[in-house]
Amino acid sequence: MTPDDILAGLFPNGRKIETTGAMIAGQATLPDGGPIHVLGITQGQPLGVDEAIALAGRVIEIIKSNDRAPILVLVDSASQRMSKRDELLGLSEYLSHLAKALLLAEAEGHRTVGLLYGGSAAGAFIATALATGTLVALPGAHPAVMDLPSMARVTKLPIEVLKAKAEATPVFAPGLDNMVRTGGIHVVWDETAPLAPQLAAVLAQPAGRDERSRLGAERGGRRKAAEIADRVVALAAISQQGAQHG
């Protein structure tokens, strides 16, 4: 599906969205008449400092509006742009700024929903799709936190070893199915069904606690993350109580 097809299916009541290069930003109307902000990076392009700061600026403008309207982030990108210019300007800080802006928006009452319909990888994936409160995908999406050849270069392990680990452990493996199993993607939408009701169903779910580790445990992709996170929270609470009575 093209971005135009997706937007038309999501917002039959109308939308006003501008395209600047590979970035989109604007507003649309939900079936119930409410507003929703739309932004994203498309066309399979890399995410560099220019795109990251522009998208973060847009998110901050939305937060300042105090309208509490949800934010939909469309994602079809390559990895982050690993040019000399981007690296010298501090690309990691720009990506972190974008991710924190989306996290702040969620904390300030804007439901943030990522829609992965194409590719994304590494820092670009983390700063956009994974930084939203709820990440959904369309069939055919192909995310990768890190592809296996890159992982082999970083870990110095033979790619055959990593391929074997990827077959046994979804955390090591790129691809849509593995990201669903780890809980990173909440649900894969049915592209043959109307998209607007599927978005409405996501927005109807209560906001709050990050459910990714729980989903990963239930689906067998991250068996220990939820348990360890709960233990850390419990220990922190005990430590805080001790400090208060000390």
C-alpha atoms as a PDB file:
ATOM      1  CA  MET A   1       0.000   0.000   0.000  1.00  0.00           C
ATOM      2  CA  THR A   2       1.200   3.503  -0.801  1.00  0.00           C
ATOM      3  CA  PRO A   3       1.104   6.307   1.778  1.00  0.00           C
ATOM      4  CA  ASP A   4      -1.818   7.866  -0.110  1.00  0.00           C
ATOM      5  CA  ASP A   5      -3.737   4.579   0.010  1.00  0.00           C
ATOM      6  CA  ILE A   6      -3.065   4.247   3.730  1.00  0.00           C
ATOM      7  CA  LEU A   7      -4.079   7.815   4.539  1.00  0.00           C
ATOM      8  CA  ALA A   8      -7.227   7.570   2.430  1.00  0.00           C
ATOM      9  CA  GLY A   9      -8.207   4.365   4.219  1.00  0.00           C
ATOM     10  CA  LEU A  10      -7.467   5.762   7.657  1.00  0.00           C
ATOM     11  CA  PHE A  11      -9.147   9.129   7.222  1.00  0.00           C
ATOM     12  CA  PRO A  12     -12.176   8.991   4.930  1.00  0.00           C
ATOM     13  CA  ASN A  13     -13.443  12.204   6.578  1.00  0.00           C
ATOM     14  CA  GLY A  14     -10.540  14.210   5.235  1.00  0.00           C
ATOM     15  CA  ARG A  15      -6.960  15.182   5.875  1.00  0.00           C
ATOM     16  CA  LYS A  16      -4.565  18.038   5.241  1.00  0.00           C
ATOM     17  CA  ILE A  17      -1.052  16.662   5.113  1.00  0.00           C
ATOM     18  CA  GLU A  18       2.021  18.270   3.569  1.00  0.00           C
ATOM     19  CA  THR A  19       4.978  16.422   2.095  1.00  0.00           C
ATOM     20  CA  THR A  20       8.511  17.798   2.351  1.00  0.00           C
ATOM     21  CA  GLY A  21      10.973  15.468   0.737  1.00  0.00           C
ATOM     22  CA  ALA A  22      10.532  12.169   2.541  1.00  0.00           C
ATOM     23  CA  MET A  23       8.709  13.724   5.500  1.00  0.00           C
ATOM     24  CA  ILE A  24       4.988  14.167   5.985  1.00  0.00           C
ATOM     25  CA  ALA A  25       3.191  16.302   8.548  1.00  0.00           C
ATOM     26  CA  GLY A  26      -0.328  17.577   9.002  1.00  0.00           C
ATOM     27  CA  GLN A  27      -3.683  16.831  10.533  1.00  0.00           C
ATOM     28  CA  ALA A  28      -6.624  14.580   9.731  1.00  0.00           C
ATOM     29  CA  THR A  29     -10.143  13.932  10.961  1.00  0.00           C
ATOM     30  CA  LEU A  30     -11.071  10.693  12.694  1.00  0.00           C
ATOM     31  CA  PRO A  31     -14.395   8.970  11.940  1.00  0.00           C
ATOM     32  CA  ASP A  32     -15.785  10.304  15.233  1.00  0.00           C
ATOM     33  CA  GLY A  33     -14.960  13.838  14.130  1.00  0.00           C
ATOM     34  CA  GLY A  34     -11.969  14.270  16.404  1.00  0.00           C
ATOM     35  CA  PRO A  35      -8.597  15.549  15.184  1.00  0.00           C
ATOM     36  CA  ILE A  36      -5.415  13.528  14.862  1.00  0.00           C
ATOM     37  CA  HIS A  37      -1.926  14.738  14.046  1.00  0.00           C
ATOM     38  CA  VAL A  38      -0.038  12.847  11.349  1.00  0.00           C
ATOM     39  CA  LEU A  39       3.680  12.880  10.705  1.00  0.00           C
ATOM     40  CA  GLY A  40       6.361  10.510   9.566  1.00  0.00           C
ATOM     41  CA  ILE A  41       9.199   9.591   7.291  1.00  0.00           C
ATOM     42  CA  THR A  42       8.416   7.731   4.075  1.00  0.00           C
ATOM     43  CA  GLN A  43       9.782   6.542   0.733  1.00  0.00           C
ATOM     44  CA  GLY A  44      12.358   4.294   2.402  1.00  0.00           C
ATOM     45  CA  GLN A  45      14.682   7.231   3.026  1.00  0.00           C
ATOM     46  CA  PRO A  46      17.299   7.399   5.800  1.00  0.00           C
ATOM     47  CA  LEU A  47      16.640   9.524   8.874  1.00  0.00           C
ATOM     48  CA  GLY A  48      19.286  12.200   9.315  1.00  0.00           C
ATOM     49  CA  VAL A  49      19.781  15.239  11.518  1.00  0.00           C
ATOM     50  CA  ASP A  50      17.630  17.469   9.301  1.00  0.00           C
ATOM     51  CA  GLU A  51      14.653  15.124   9.315  1.00  0.00           C
ATOM     52  CA  ALA A  52      14.998  14.278  13.007  1.00  0.00           C
ATOM     53  CA  ILE A  53      15.058  17.894  14.177  1.00  0.00           C
ATOM     54  CA  ALA A  54      12.159  18.833  11.899  1.00  0.00           C
ATOM     55  CA  LEU A  55       9.996  15.949  13.130  1.00  0.00           C
ATOM     56  CA  ALA A  56      10.914  16.633  16.767  1.00  0.00           C
ATOM     57  CA  GLY A  57      10.029  20.293  16.285  1.00  0.00           C
ATOM     58  CA  ARG A  58       6.655  19.323  14.930  1.00  0.00           C
ATOM     59  CA  VAL A  59       6.000  17.051  17.923  1.00  0.00           C
ATOM     60  CA  ILE A  60       6.937  19.855  20.312  1.00  0.00           C
ATOM     61  CA  GLU A  61       4.531  22.221  18.513  1.00  0.00           C
ATOM     62  CA  ILE A  62       1.782  19.642  18.964  1.00  0.00           C
ATOM     63  CA  ILE A  63       2.545  19.325  22.682  1.00  0.00           C
ATOM     64  CA  LYS A  64       2.448  23.117  23.085  1.00  0.00           C
ATOM     65  CA  SER A  65      -0.994  23.228  21.440  1.00  0.00           C
ATOM     66  CA  ASN A  66      -2.445  21.426  24.494  1.00  0.00           C
ATOM     67  CA  ASP A  67      -5.116  19.797  22.330  1.00  0.00           C
ATOM     68  CA  ARG A  68      -4.303  16.280  23.635  1.00  0.00           C
ATOM     69  CA  ALA A  69      -5.118  14.914  20.167  1.00  0.00           C
ATOM     70  CA  PRO A  70      -3.470  11.615  19.196  1.00  0.00           C
ATOM     71  CA  ILE A  71      -0.402  11.489  16.969  1.00  0.00           C
ATOM     72  CA  LEU A  72       0.036   8.950  14.178  1.00  0.00           C
ATOM     73  CA  VAL A  73       3.605   8.361  12.995  1.00  0.00           C
ATOM     74  CA  LEU A  74       3.940   6.671   9.600  1.00  0.00           C
ATOM     75  CA  VAL A  75       7.236   4.875   9.118  1.00  0.00           C
ATOM     76  CA  ASP A  76       8.908   3.614   5.969  1.00  0.00           C
ATOM     77  CA  SER A  77      12.591   4.431   6.217  1.00  0.00           C
ATOM     78  CA  ALA A  78      16.053   3.069   5.816  1.00  0.00           C
ATOM     79  CA  SER A  79      18.445   3.209   8.749  1.00  0.00           C
ATOM     80  CA  GLN A  80      19.747   6.496  10.118  1.00  0.00           C
ATOM     81  CA  ARG A  81      21.770   8.516   7.614  1.00  0.00           C
ATOM     82  CA  MET A  82      25.368   7.560   8.331  1.00  0.00           C
ATOM     83  CA  SER A  83      27.049  10.375   6.444  1.00  0.00           C
ATOM     84  CA  LYS A  84      30.122  12.208   7.738  1.00  0.00           C
ATOM     85  CA  ARG A  85      28.087  15.421   8.081  1.00  0.00           C
ATOM     86  CA  ASP A  86      25.353  13.770  10.133  1.00  0.00           C
ATOM     87  CA  GLU A  87      27.826  12.020  12.393  1.00  0.00           C
ATOM     88  CA  LEU A  88      29.867  15.187  12.985  1.00  0.00           C
ATOM     89  CA  LEU A  89      26.709  17.112  13.870  1.00  0.00           C
ATOM     90  CA  GLY A  90      25.849  14.524  16.516  1.00  0.00           C
ATOM     91  CA  LEU A  91      23.284  12.308  14.830  1.00  0.00           C
ATOM     92  CA  SER A  92      22.726  10.187  17.942  1.00  0.00           C
ATOM     93  CA  GLU A  93      21.678  13.283  19.912  1.00  0.00           C
ATOM     94  CA  TYR A  94      19.191  14.296  17.209  1.00  0.00           C
ATOM     95  CA  LEU A  95      17.657  10.824  17.161  1.00  0.00           C
ATOM     96  CA  SER A  96      17.490  10.805  20.957  1.00  0.00           C
ATOM     97  CA  HIS A  97      15.793  14.220  20.900  1.00  0.00           C
ATOM     98  CA  LEU A  98      13.128  12.935  18.510  1.00  0.00           C
ATOM     99  CA  ALA A  99      12.493   9.833  20.615  1.00  0.00           C
ATOM    100  CA  LYS A 100      12.225  11.903  23.801  1.00  0.00           C
ATOM    101  CA  ALA A 101       9.822  14.325  22.113  1.00  0.00           C
ATOM    102  CA  LEU A 102       7.495  11.432  21.255  1.00  0.00           C
ATOM    103  CA  LEU A 103       7.777  10.025  24.777  1.00  0.00           C
ATOM    104  CA  LEU A 104       6.969  13.468  26.190  1.00  0.00           C
ATOM    105  CA  ALA A 105       3.930  13.745  23.918  1.00  0.00           C
ATOM    106  CA  GLU A 106       2.591  10.452  25.294  1.00  0.00           C
ATOM    107  CA  ALA A 107       3.235  11.625  28.861  1.00  0.00           C
ATOM    108  CA  GLU A 108       1.399  14.890  28.144  1.00  0.00           C
ATOM    109  CA  GLY A 109      -1.772  13.105  27.054  1.00  0.00           C
ATOM    110  CA  HIS A 110      -1.276  12.596  23.321  1.00  0.00           C
ATOM    111  CA  ARG A 111      -1.731   8.964  22.332  1.00  0.00           C
ATOM    112  CA  THR A 112       1.177   8.178  20.022  1.00  0.00           C
ATOM    113  CA  VAL A 113       0.677   5.399  17.493  1.00  0.00           C
ATOM    114  CA  GLY A 114       3.369   4.257  15.083  1.00  0.00           C
ATOM    115  CA  LEU A 115       2.311   2.624  11.818  1.00  0.00           C
ATOM    116  CA  LEU A 116       5.122   0.671  10.190  1.00  0.00           C
ATOM    117  CA  TYR A 117       4.175  -0.078   6.606  1.00  0.00           C
ATOM    118  CA  GLY A 118       7.605  -0.401   5.003  1.00  0.00           C
ATOM    119  CA  GLY A 119      11.137  -0.774   6.257  1.00  0.00           C
ATOM    120  CA  SER A 120      13.074   0.749   9.121  1.00  0.00           C
ATOM    121  CA  ALA A 121      16.240  -0.158  10.949  1.00  0.00           C
ATOM    122  CA  ALA A 122      18.625   0.707  13.748  1.00  0.00           C
ATOM    123  CA  GLY A 123      18.507   4.245  15.152  1.00  0.00           C
ATOM    124  CA  ALA A 124      15.818   5.383  12.733  1.00  0.00           C
ATOM    125  CA  PHE A 125      13.534   2.567  13.905  1.00  0.00           C
ATOM    126  CA  ILE A 126      14.183   3.278  17.574  1.00  0.00           C
ATOM    127  CA  ALA A 127      13.665   7.047  17.257  1.00  0.00           C
ATOM    128  CA  THR A 128      10.370   6.799  15.381  1.00  0.00           C
ATOM    129  CA  ALA A 129       8.417   3.533  15.483  1.00  0.00           C
ATOM    130  CA  LEU A 130       9.661   2.162  18.806  1.00  0.00           C
ATOM    131  CA  ALA A 131       9.390   5.571  20.492  1.00  0.00           C
ATOM    132  CA  THR A 132       5.610   5.627  20.066  1.00  0.00           C
ATOM    133  CA  GLY A 133       3.309   4.343  22.794  1.00  0.00           C
ATOM    134  CA  THR A 134       1.729   1.740  20.510  1.00  0.00           C
ATOM    135  CA  LEU A 135       3.336   0.325  17.383  1.00  0.00           C
ATOM    136  CA  VAL A 136       1.260  -1.441  14.739  1.00  0.00           C
ATOM    137  CA  ALA A 137       2.242  -2.686  11.313  1.00  0.00           C
ATOM    138  CA  LEU A 138       0.872  -3.671   7.951  1.00  0.00           C
ATOM    139  CA  PRO A 139       1.765  -6.979   6.282  1.00  0.00           C
ATOM    140  CA  GLY A 140       4.948  -6.644   4.278  1.00  0.00           C
ATOM    141  CA  ALA A 141       6.659  -4.337   6.745  1.00  0.00           C
ATOM    142  CA  HIS A 142      10.261  -5.322   7.335  1.00  0.00           C
ATOM    143  CA  PRO A 143      11.830  -3.845  10.494  1.00  0.00           C
ATOM    144  CA  ALA A 144      15.292  -4.622  11.808  1.00  0.00           C
ATOM    145  CA  VAL A 145      16.913  -3.180  14.898  1.00  0.00           C
ATOM    146  CA  MET A 146      20.148  -4.414  13.354  1.00  0.00           C
ATOM    147  CA  ASP A 147      20.605  -6.647  10.342  1.00  0.00           C
ATOM    148  CA  LEU A 148      22.721  -9.760  10.736  1.00  0.00           C
ATOM    149  CA  PRO A 149      25.722  -8.608   8.645  1.00  0.00           C
ATOM    150  CA  SER A 150      25.958  -5.442  10.776  1.00  0.00           C
ATOM    151  CA  MET A 151      25.571  -7.513  13.935  1.00  0.00           C
ATOM    152  CA  ALA A 152      28.375  -9.778  12.785  1.00  0.00           C
ATOM    153  CA  ARG A 153      30.686  -6.794  12.310  1.00  0.00           C
ATOM    154  CA  VAL A 154      29.899  -5.424  15.769  1.00  0.00           C
ATOM    155  CA  THR A 155      30.010  -8.694  17.717  1.00  0.00           C
ATOM    156  CA  LYS A 156      32.827 -10.287  15.667  1.00  0.00           C
ATOM    157  CA  LEU A 157      30.770 -13.485  15.589  1.00  0.00           C
ATOM    158  CA  PRO A 158      30.471 -15.463  12.338  1.00  0.00           C
ATOM    159  CA  ILE A 159      27.232 -14.723  10.538  1.00  0.00           C
ATOM    160  CA  GLU A 160      26.440 -18.464  10.549  1.00  0.00           C
ATOM    161  CA  VAL A 161      26.409 -18.349  14.363  1.00  0.00           C
ATOM    162  CA  LEU A 162      24.095 -15.335  14.347  1.00  0.00           C
ATOM    163  CA  LYS A 163      21.771 -16.968  11.818  1.00  0.00           C
ATOM    164  CA  ALA A 164      21.471 -19.984  14.116  1.00  0.00           C
ATOM    165  CA  LYS A 165      20.730 -17.724  17.092  1.00  0.00           C
ATOM    166  CA  ALA A 166      18.171 -15.805  15.042  1.00  0.00           C
ATOM    167  CA  GLU A 167      16.310 -19.013  14.276  1.00  0.00           C
ATOM    168  CA  ALA A 168      16.120 -19.866  17.976  1.00  0.00           C
ATOM    169  CA  THR A 169      15.735 -16.417  19.542  1.00  0.00           C
ATOM    170  CA  PRO A 170      13.522 -13.688  18.028  1.00  0.00           C
ATOM    171  CA  VAL A 171      15.529 -10.947  19.769  1.00  0.00           C
ATOM    172  CA  PHE A 172      18.428 -11.695  17.412  1.00  0.00           C
ATOM    173  CA  ALA A 173      16.353 -11.800  14.279  1.00  0.00           C
ATOM    174  CA  PRO A 174      15.121  -9.046  11.968  1.00  0.00           C
ATOM    175  CA  GLY A 175      11.703  -9.161  10.347  1.00  0.00           C
ATOM    176  CA  LEU A 176       8.074  -8.474  11.120  1.00  0.00           C
ATOM    177  CA  ASP A 177       7.186 -11.822  12.713  1.00  0.00           C
ATOM    178  CA  ASN A 178      10.101 -11.640  15.122  1.00  0.00           C
ATOM    179  CA  MET A 179       9.300  -8.072  16.130  1.00  0.00           C
ATOM    180  CA  VAL A 180       5.717  -9.162  16.860  1.00  0.00           C
ATOM    181  CA  ARG A 181       6.940 -12.078  18.974  1.00  0.00           C
ATOM    182  CA  THR A 182       9.169  -9.810  21.067  1.00  0.00           C
ATOM    183  CA  GLY A 183       6.212  -7.514  21.739  1.00  0.00           C
ATOM    184  CA  GLY A 184       7.730  -4.555  19.901  1.00  0.00           C
ATOM    185  CA  ILE A 185       4.765  -4.539  17.520  1.00  0.00           C
ATOM    186  CA  HIS A 186       1.399  -4.795  19.252  1.00  0.00           C
ATOM    187  CA  VAL A 187      -0.639  -5.993  16.288  1.00  0.00           C
ATOM    188  CA  VAL A 188      -0.416  -6.469  12.522  1.00  0.00           C
ATOM    189  CA  TRP A 189      -3.415  -4.907  10.840  1.00  0.00           C
ATOM    190  CA  ASP A 190      -5.514  -6.623   8.192  1.00  0.00           C
ATOM    191  CA  GLU A 191      -4.818  -4.700   4.989  1.00  0.00           C
ATOM    192  CA  THR A 192      -7.883  -6.235   3.321  1.00  0.00           C
ATOM    193  CA  ALA A 193     -10.199  -4.692   5.926  1.00  0.00           C
ATOM    194  CA  PRO A 194     -11.016  -0.987   6.416  1.00  0.00           C
ATOM    195  CA  LEU A 195      -8.154   0.726   8.218  1.00  0.00           C
ATOM    196  CA  ALA A 196     -10.123   3.429  10.039  1.00  0.00           C
ATOM    197  CA  PRO A 197     -11.873   1.002  12.442  1.00  0.00           C
ATOM    198  CA  GLN A 198      -8.552  -0.689  13.185  1.00  0.00           C
ATOM    199  CA  LEU A 199      -7.016   2.642  14.171  1.00  0.00           C
ATOM    200  CA  ALA A 200     -10.105   3.460  16.243  1.00  0.00           C
ATOM    201  CA  ALA A 201      -9.698   0.139  18.089  1.00  0.00           C
ATOM    202  CA  VAL A 202      -6.099   1.027  18.989  1.00  0.00           C
ATOM    203  CA  LEU A 203      -7.069   4.506  20.177  1.00  0.00           C
ATOM    204  CA  ALA A 204      -9.895   3.033  22.274  1.00  0.00           C
ATOM    205  CA  GLN A 205      -7.419   1.019  24.340  1.00  0.00           C
ATOM    206  CA  PRO A 206      -6.451   2.689  27.633  1.00  0.00           C
ATOM    207  CA  ALA A 207      -3.171   4.532  27.667  1.00  0.00           C
ATOM    208  CA  GLY A 208      -0.635   4.039  30.394  1.00  0.00           C
ATOM    209  CA  ARG A 209       1.764   1.234  31.136  1.00  0.00           C
ATOM    210  CA  ASP A 210       4.099   0.045  28.389  1.00  0.00           C
ATOM    211  CA  GLU A 211       2.907  -3.467  27.545  1.00  0.00           C
ATOM    212  CA  ARG A 212       5.762  -4.540  25.286  1.00  0.00           C
ATOM    213  CA  SER A 213       7.612  -6.707  27.796  1.00  0.00           C
ATOM    214  CA  ARG A 214       4.359  -8.415  28.832  1.00  0.00           C
ATOM    215  CA  LEU A 215       3.443  -9.104  25.210  1.00  0.00           C
ATOM    216  CA  GLY A 216       6.933 -10.451  24.584  1.00  0.00           C
ATOM    217  CA  ALA A 217       6.557 -12.884  27.485  1.00  0.00           C
ATOM    218  CA  GLU A 218       3.115 -14.039  26.348  1.00  0.00           C
ATOM    219  CA  ARG A 219       4.313 -14.574  22.774  1.00  0.00           C
ATOM    220  CA  GLY A 220       7.542 -16.308  23.778  1.00  0.00           C
ATOM    221  CA  GLY A 221       9.851 -13.771  22.194  1.00  0.00           C
ATOM    222  CA  ARG A 222      11.136 -12.121  25.386  1.00  0.00           C
ATOM    223  CA  ARG A 223      10.633 -14.593  28.178  1.00  0.00           C
ATOM    224  CA  LYS A 224      12.389 -12.740  31.009  1.00  0.00           C
ATOM    225  CA  ALA A 225      12.017  -9.001  30.322  1.00  0.00           C
ATOM    226  CA  ALA A 226       8.652  -8.516  32.058  1.00  0.00           C
ATOM    227  CA  GLU A 227       9.672 -10.584  35.086  1.00  0.00           C
ATOM    228  CA  ILE A 228      12.951  -8.707  35.515  1.00  0.00           C
ATOM    229  CA  ALA A 229      11.275  -5.310  35.050  1.00  0.00           C
ATOM    230  CA  ASP A 230       8.692  -6.172  37.717  1.00  0.00           C
ATOM    231  CA  ARG A 231      11.445  -7.239  40.126  1.00  0.00           C
ATOM    232  CA  VAL A 232      13.341  -3.986  39.536  1.00  0.00           C
ATOM    233  CA  VAL A 233      10.189  -1.946  40.229  1.00  0.00           C
ATOM    234  CA  ALA A 234       9.488  -3.945  43.388  1.00  0.00           C
ATOM    235  CA  LEU A 235      13.058  -3.534  44.659  1.00  0.00           C
ATOM    236  CA  ALA A 236      12.962   0.178  43.900  1.00  0.00           C
ATOM    237  CA  ALA A 237       9.732   0.517  45.893  1.00  0.00           C
ATOM    238  CA  ILE A 238      11.270  -1.313  48.855  1.00  0.00           C
ATOM    239  CA  SER A 239      14.359   0.895  48.653  1.00  0.00           C
ATOM    240  CA  GLN A 240      12.216   4.038  48.559  1.00  0.00           C
ATOM    241  CA  GLN A 241      10.212   2.900  51.575  1.00  0.00           C
ATOM    242  CA  GLY A 242      13.424   2.221  53.450  1.00  0.00           C
ATOM    243  CA  ALA A 243      14.755   5.683  52.655  1.00  0.00           C
ATOM    244  CA  GLN A 244      11.534   7.300  53.857  1.00  0.00           C
ATOM    245  CA  HIS A 245      11.706   5.469  57.202  1.00  0.00           C
ATOM    246  CA  GLY A 246      15.445   5.734  57.593  1.00  0.00           C
END
